[in-house]
PDB file of all heavy atoms in Angstrom:
ATOM      1  N   THR A   1      -0.635 184.967  53.868  1.00  0.00           N
ATOM      2  CA  THR A   1      -0.438 183.964  54.942  1.00  0.00           C
ATOM      3  C   THR A   1       0.891 183.138  54.680  1.00  0.00           C
ATOM      4  O   THR A   1       1.370 183.173  53.544  1.00  0.00           O
ATOM      5  CB  THR A   1      -1.626 182.948  55.169  1.00  0.00           C
ATOM      6  OG1 THR A   1      -1.736 182.163  53.907  1.00  0.00           O
ATOM      7  CG2 THR A   1      -2.912 183.794  55.345  1.00  0.00           C
ATOM      8  N   ARG A   2       1.326 182.385  55.563  1.00  0.00           N
ATOM      9  CA  ARG A   2       2.515 181.498  55.489  1.00  0.00           C
ATOM     10  C   ARG A   2       2.149 180.488  54.232  1.00  0.00           C
ATOM     11  O   ARG A   2       2.984 180.273  53.354  1.00  0.00           O
ATOM     12  CB  ARG A   2       2.844 180.804  56.724  1.00  0.00           C
ATOM     13  CG  ARG A   2       4.131 179.935  56.557  1.00  0.00           C
ATOM     14  CD  ARG A   2       4.407 179.303  57.864  1.00  0.00           C
ATOM     15  NE  ARG A   2       4.637 180.259  58.766  1.00  0.00           N
ATOM     16  CZ  ARG A   2       5.826 180.468  59.399  1.00  0.00           C
ATOM     17  NH1 ARG A   2       6.679 179.459  59.371  1.00  0.00           N
ATOM     18  NH2 ARG A   2       6.068 181.326  60.289  1.00  0.00           N
ATOM     19  N   ARG A   3       0.947 179.956  54.352  1.00  0.00           N
ATOM     20  CA  ARG A   3       0.547 179.027  53.325  1.00  0.00           C
ATOM     21  C   ARG A   3       0.448 179.712  51.958  1.00  0.00           C
ATOM     22  O   ARG A   3       0.963 179.018  50.971  1.00  0.00           O
ATOM     23  CB  ARG A   3      -0.895 178.374  53.672  1.00  0.00           C
ATOM     24  CG  ARG A   3      -1.394 177.435  52.542  1.00  0.00           C
ATOM     25  CD  ARG A   3      -2.786 176.976  52.957  1.00  0.00           C
ATOM     26  NE  ARG A   3      -2.804 175.998  54.028  1.00  0.00           N
ATOM     27  CZ  ARG A   3      -2.368 174.687  53.981  1.00  0.00           C
ATOM     28  NH1 ARG A   3      -1.888 174.336  52.798  1.00  0.00           N
ATOM     29  NH2 ARG A   3      -2.361 173.917  54.930  1.00  0.00           N
ATOM     30  N   GLN A   4      -0.018 180.885  51.835  1.00  0.00           N
ATOM     31  CA  GLN A   4      -0.131 181.611  50.528  1.00  0.00           C
ATOM     32  C   GLN A   4       1.296 181.923  49.950  1.00  0.00           C
ATOM     33  O   GLN A   4       1.576 181.676  48.771  1.00  0.00           O
ATOM     34  CB  GLN A   4      -0.843 182.846  50.601  1.00  0.00           C
ATOM     35  CG  GLN A   4      -2.354 182.721  50.808  1.00  0.00           C
ATOM     36  CD  GLN A   4      -3.064 184.064  51.208  1.00  0.00           C
ATOM     37  OE1 GLN A   4      -2.561 184.840  51.941  1.00  0.00           O
ATOM     38  NE2 GLN A   4      -4.301 184.170  50.630  1.00  0.00           N
ATOM     39  N   LEU A   5       2.270 182.221  50.865  1.00  0.00           N
ATOM     40  CA  LEU A   5       3.578 182.412  50.454  1.00  0.00           C
ATOM     41  C   LEU A   5       4.194 181.089  49.983  1.00  0.00           C
ATOM     42  O   LEU A   5       4.825 181.172  48.819  1.00  0.00           O
ATOM     43  CB  LEU A   5       4.307 182.906  51.625  1.00  0.00           C
ATOM     44  CG  LEU A   5       5.952 183.143  51.368  1.00  0.00           C
ATOM     45  CD1 LEU A   5       6.101 184.309  50.285  1.00  0.00           C
ATOM     46  CD2 LEU A   5       6.630 183.640  52.652  1.00  0.00           C
ATOM     47  N   ALA A   6       4.014 180.079  50.619  1.00  0.00           N
ATOM     48  CA  ALA A   6       4.655 178.793  50.173  1.00  0.00           C
ATOM     49  C   ALA A   6       4.090 178.295  48.971  1.00  0.00           C
ATOM     50  O   ALA A   6       4.779 177.887  47.999  1.00  0.00           O
ATOM     51  CB  ALA A   6       4.437 177.731  51.370  1.00  0.00           C
ATOM     52  N   VAL A   7       2.743 178.410  48.683  1.00  0.00           N
ATOM     53  CA  VAL A   7       2.111 178.012  47.427  1.00  0.00           C
ATOM     54  C   VAL A   7       2.569 178.922  46.357  1.00  0.00           C
ATOM     55  O   VAL A   7       3.014 178.517  45.189  1.00  0.00           O
ATOM     56  CB  VAL A   7       0.559 178.068  47.631  1.00  0.00           C
ATOM     57  CG1 VAL A   7      -0.079 177.950  46.191  1.00  0.00           C
ATOM     58  CG2 VAL A   7       0.124 177.025  48.515  1.00  0.00           C
ATOM     59  N   SER A   8       2.732 180.229  46.539  1.00  0.00           N
ATOM     60  CA  SER A   8       3.217 181.214  45.525  1.00  0.00           C
ATOM     61  C   SER A   8       4.601 180.822  45.140  1.00  0.00           C
ATOM     62  O   SER A   8       4.994 180.851  43.887  1.00  0.00           O
ATOM     63  CB  SER A   8       3.085 182.546  46.012  1.00  0.00           C
ATOM     64  OG  SER A   8       1.702 182.979  46.297  1.00  0.00           O
ATOM     65  N   LEU A   9       5.536 180.572  46.112  1.00  0.00           N
ATOM     66  CA  LEU A   9       6.794 180.267  45.703  1.00  0.00           C
ATOM     67  C   LEU A   9       6.935 178.941  45.066  1.00  0.00           C
ATOM     68  O   LEU A   9       7.776 178.793  44.044  1.00  0.00           O
ATOM     69  CB  LEU A   9       7.820 180.264  46.998  1.00  0.00           C
ATOM     70  CG  LEU A   9       7.965 181.530  47.825  1.00  0.00           C
ATOM     71  CD1 LEU A   9       8.689 181.392  49.082  1.00  0.00           C
ATOM     72  CD2 LEU A   9       8.701 182.481  46.830  1.00  0.00           C
ATOM     73  N   ALA A  10       6.240 177.949  45.461  1.00  0.00           N
ATOM     74  CA  ALA A  10       6.234 176.579  44.787  1.00  0.00           C
ATOM     75  C   ALA A  10       5.745 176.901  43.328  1.00  0.00           C
ATOM     76  O   ALA A  10       6.290 176.249  42.371  1.00  0.00           O
ATOM     77  CB  ALA A  10       5.382 175.664  45.581  1.00  0.00           C
ATOM     78  N   THR A  11       4.832 177.665  43.106  1.00  0.00           N
ATOM     79  CA  THR A  11       4.179 177.952  41.775  1.00  0.00           C
ATOM     80  C   THR A  11       5.245 178.628  40.956  1.00  0.00           C
ATOM     81  O   THR A  11       5.450 178.241  39.683  1.00  0.00           O
ATOM     82  CB  THR A  11       2.886 178.746  41.864  1.00  0.00           C
ATOM     83  OG1 THR A  11       2.056 178.088  42.701  1.00  0.00           O
ATOM     84  CG2 THR A  11       2.396 179.003  40.462  1.00  0.00           C
ATOM     85  N   LEU A  12       5.986 179.468  41.475  1.00  0.00           N
ATOM     86  CA  LEU A  12       7.111 180.215  40.837  1.00  0.00           C
ATOM     87  C   LEU A  12       8.223 179.268  40.246  1.00  0.00           C
ATOM     88  O   LEU A  12       8.645 179.230  39.164  1.00  0.00           O
ATOM     89  CB  LEU A  12       7.755 181.251  41.622  1.00  0.00           C
ATOM     90  CG  LEU A  12       7.123 182.633  41.663  1.00  0.00           C
ATOM     91  CD1 LEU A  12       7.829 183.570  42.576  1.00  0.00           C
ATOM     92  CD2 LEU A  12       7.168 183.245  40.182  1.00  0.00           C
ATOM     93  N   VAL A  13       8.573 178.332  41.207  1.00  0.00           N
ATOM     94  CA  VAL A  13       9.586 177.347  40.929  1.00  0.00           C
ATOM     95  C   VAL A  13       9.068 176.441  39.813  1.00  0.00           C
ATOM     96  O   VAL A  13       9.823 176.126  38.886  1.00  0.00           O
ATOM     97  CB  VAL A  13       9.984 176.498  42.228  1.00  0.00           C
ATOM     98  CG1 VAL A  13      10.841 175.291  41.850  1.00  0.00           C
ATOM     99  CG2 VAL A  13      10.759 177.508  43.108  1.00  0.00           C
ATOM    100  N   ALA A  14       7.888 175.957  39.827  1.00  0.00           N
ATOM    101  CA  ALA A  14       7.481 174.986  38.940  1.00  0.00           C
ATOM    102  C   ALA A  14       7.225 175.707  37.513  1.00  0.00           C
ATOM    103  O   ALA A  14       7.611 175.153  36.525  1.00  0.00           O
ATOM    104  CB  ALA A  14       5.998 174.528  39.311  1.00  0.00           C
ATOM    105  N   ALA A  15       6.860 177.038  37.504  1.00  0.00           N
ATOM    106  CA  ALA A  15       6.849 177.736  36.299  1.00  0.00           C
ATOM    107  C   ALA A  15       8.169 177.905  35.569  1.00  0.00           C
ATOM    108  O   ALA A  15       8.330 177.787  34.369  1.00  0.00           O
ATOM    109  CB  ALA A  15       6.043 179.089  36.420  1.00  0.00           C
ATOM    110  N   ALA A  16       9.075 178.198  36.430  1.00  0.00           N
ATOM    111  CA  ALA A  16      10.502 178.329  35.937  1.00  0.00           C
ATOM    112  C   ALA A  16      11.009 177.030  35.328  1.00  0.00           C
ATOM    113  O   ALA A  16      11.714 177.042  34.389  1.00  0.00           O
ATOM    114  CB  ALA A  16      11.357 178.907  37.037  1.00  0.00           C
ATOM    115  N   GLN A  17      10.732 176.005  35.991  1.00  0.00           N
ATOM    116  CA  GLN A  17      11.183 174.673  35.448  1.00  0.00           C
ATOM    117  C   GLN A  17      10.576 174.328  34.264  1.00  0.00           C
ATOM    118  O   GLN A  17      11.061 173.670  33.431  1.00  0.00           O
ATOM    119  CB  GLN A  17      11.077 173.624  36.574  1.00  0.00           C
ATOM    120  CG  GLN A  17      12.115 173.817  37.745  1.00  0.00           C
ATOM    121  CD  GLN A  17      11.819 172.873  38.897  1.00  0.00           C
ATOM    122  OE1 GLN A  17      10.796 172.255  39.112  1.00  0.00           O
ATOM    123  NE2 GLN A  17      12.699 172.698  39.792  1.00  0.00           N
ATOM    124  N   ALA A  18       9.309 174.678  34.094  1.00  0.00           N
ATOM    125  CA  ALA A  18       8.549 174.149  32.968  1.00  0.00           C
ATOM    126  C   ALA A  18       8.789 175.207  31.740  1.00  0.00           C
ATOM    127  O   ALA A  18       8.518 174.809  30.552  1.00  0.00           O
ATOM    128  CB  ALA A  18       7.092 174.177  33.198  1.00  0.00           C
ATOM    129  N   ALA A  19       9.190 176.348  31.986  1.00  0.00           N
ATOM    130  CA  ALA A  19       9.437 177.330  30.944  1.00  0.00           C
ATOM    131  C   ALA A  19      10.520 176.836  29.991  1.00  0.00           C
ATOM    132  O   ALA A  19      11.513 176.292  30.340  1.00  0.00           O
ATOM    133  CB  ALA A  19       9.766 178.751  31.453  1.00  0.00           C
ATOM    134  N   PRO A  20      10.269 176.962  28.633  1.00  0.00           N
ATOM    135  CA  PRO A  20      11.337 176.542  27.709  1.00  0.00           C
ATOM    136  C   PRO A  20      12.522 177.362  27.850  1.00  0.00           C
ATOM    137  O   PRO A  20      12.474 178.565  28.002  1.00  0.00           O
ATOM    138  CB  PRO A  20      10.606 176.740  26.336  1.00  0.00           C
ATOM    139  CG  PRO A  20       9.513 177.631  26.602  1.00  0.00           C
ATOM    140  CD  PRO A  20       9.121 177.515  28.043  1.00  0.00           C
ATOM    141  N   LYS A  21      13.597 176.746  27.941  1.00  0.00           N
ATOM    142  CA  LYS A  21      14.952 177.379  28.032  1.00  0.00           C
ATOM    143  C   LYS A  21      15.512 177.475  26.634  1.00  0.00           C
ATOM    144  O   LYS A  21      15.399 176.567  25.867  1.00  0.00           O
ATOM    145  CB  LYS A  21      15.895 176.597  29.009  1.00  0.00           C
ATOM    146  CG  LYS A  21      15.124 176.432  30.371  1.00  0.00           C
ATOM    147  CD  LYS A  21      16.240 176.136  31.496  1.00  0.00           C
ATOM    148  CE  LYS A  21      15.695 175.928  32.756  1.00  0.00           C
ATOM    149  NZ  LYS A  21      14.469 176.300  33.089  1.00  0.00           N
ATOM    150  N   GLU A  22      16.303 178.525  26.530  1.00  0.00           N
ATOM    151  CA  GLU A  22      16.858 178.745  25.186  1.00  0.00           C
ATOM    152  C   GLU A  22      18.019 177.756  25.089  1.00  0.00           C
ATOM    153  O   GLU A  22      18.866 177.646  25.952  1.00  0.00           O
ATOM    154  CB  GLU A  22      17.602 180.160  25.052  1.00  0.00           C
ATOM    155  CG  GLU A  22      18.175 180.336  23.745  1.00  0.00           C
ATOM    156  CD  GLU A  22      18.622 181.736  23.344  1.00  0.00           C
ATOM    157  OE1 GLU A  22      18.088 182.725  23.909  1.00  0.00           O
ATOM    158  OE2 GLU A  22      19.534 181.854  22.602  1.00  0.00           O
ATOM    159  N   LYS A  23      17.904 176.919  24.053  1.00  0.00           N
ATOM    160  CA  LYS A  23      18.790 175.823  23.906  1.00  0.00           C
ATOM    161  C   LYS A  23      20.022 176.237  23.142  1.00  0.00           C
ATOM    162  O   LYS A  23      19.962 177.084  22.296  1.00  0.00           O
ATOM    163  CB  LYS A  23      18.132 174.696  23.137  1.00  0.00           C
ATOM    164  CG  LYS A  23      18.915 173.401  23.058  1.00  0.00           C
ATOM    165  CD  LYS A  23      18.060 172.330  22.337  1.00  0.00           C
ATOM    166  CE  LYS A  23      18.978 171.158  22.093  1.00  0.00           C
ATOM    167  NZ  LYS A  23      18.282 170.208  21.322  1.00  0.00           N
ATOM    168  N   GLY A  24      21.102 175.772  23.481  1.00  0.00           N
ATOM    169  CA  GLY A  24      22.322 175.992  22.787  1.00  0.00           C
ATOM    170  C   GLY A  24      22.286 175.188  21.414  1.00  0.00           C
ATOM    171  O   GLY A  24      21.301 175.027  20.783  1.00  0.00           O
ATOM    172  N   LEU A  25      23.462 174.592  21.044  1.00  0.00           N
ATOM    173  CA  LEU A  25      23.495 173.800  19.899  1.00  0.00           C
ATOM    174  C   LEU A  25      23.643 172.322  20.315  1.00  0.00           C
ATOM    175  O   LEU A  25      24.126 172.035  21.382  1.00  0.00           O
ATOM    176  CB  LEU A  25      24.783 174.126  19.131  1.00  0.00           C
ATOM    177  CG  LEU A  25      24.828 175.673  18.633  1.00  0.00           C
ATOM    178  CD1 LEU A  25      26.184 176.021  18.096  1.00  0.00           C
ATOM    179  CD2 LEU A  25      23.633 175.968  17.764  1.00  0.00           C
ATOM    180  N   GLN A  26      23.313 171.402  19.541  1.00  0.00           N
ATOM    181  CA  GLN A  26      23.215 169.962  19.883  1.00  0.00           C
ATOM    182  C   GLN A  26      24.417 169.324  19.211  1.00  0.00           C
ATOM    183  O   GLN A  26      24.431 169.000  17.977  1.00  0.00           O
ATOM    184  CB  GLN A  26      21.993 169.252  19.395  1.00  0.00           C
ATOM    185  CG  GLN A  26      22.038 167.825  19.777  1.00  0.00           C
ATOM    186  CD  GLN A  26      21.963 167.561  21.283  1.00  0.00           C
ATOM    187  OE1 GLN A  26      21.243 168.093  21.998  1.00  0.00           O
ATOM    188  NE2 GLN A  26      22.938 166.660  21.701  1.00  0.00           N
ATOM    189  N   ALA A  27      25.547 169.179  19.987  1.00  0.00           N
ATOM    190  CA  ALA A  27      26.654 168.478  19.436  1.00  0.00           C
ATOM    191  C   ALA A  27      26.357 166.861  19.344  1.00  0.00           C
ATOM    192  O   ALA A  27      25.902 166.330  20.306  1.00  0.00           O
ATOM    193  CB  ALA A  27      27.846 168.621  20.333  1.00  0.00           C
ATOM    194  N   VAL A  28      26.614 166.274  18.176  1.00  0.00           N
ATOM    195  CA  VAL A  28      26.278 164.857  17.986  1.00  0.00           C
ATOM    196  C   VAL A  28      27.538 163.995  17.697  1.00  0.00           C
ATOM    197  O   VAL A  28      27.558 162.914  17.659  1.00  0.00           O
ATOM    198  CB  VAL A  28      25.274 164.697  16.882  1.00  0.00           C
ATOM    199  CG1 VAL A  28      23.905 165.290  17.250  1.00  0.00           C
ATOM    200  CG2 VAL A  28      25.732 165.353  15.578  1.00  0.00           C
TER     201      VAL A  28
END
């Protein structure tokens, strides 16, 4: 359904934002 699609896409976006990203180096 449209609702299932919207919830699934929102879940994908939230998971992508929460996933740890490979960090570069920390210049200080």
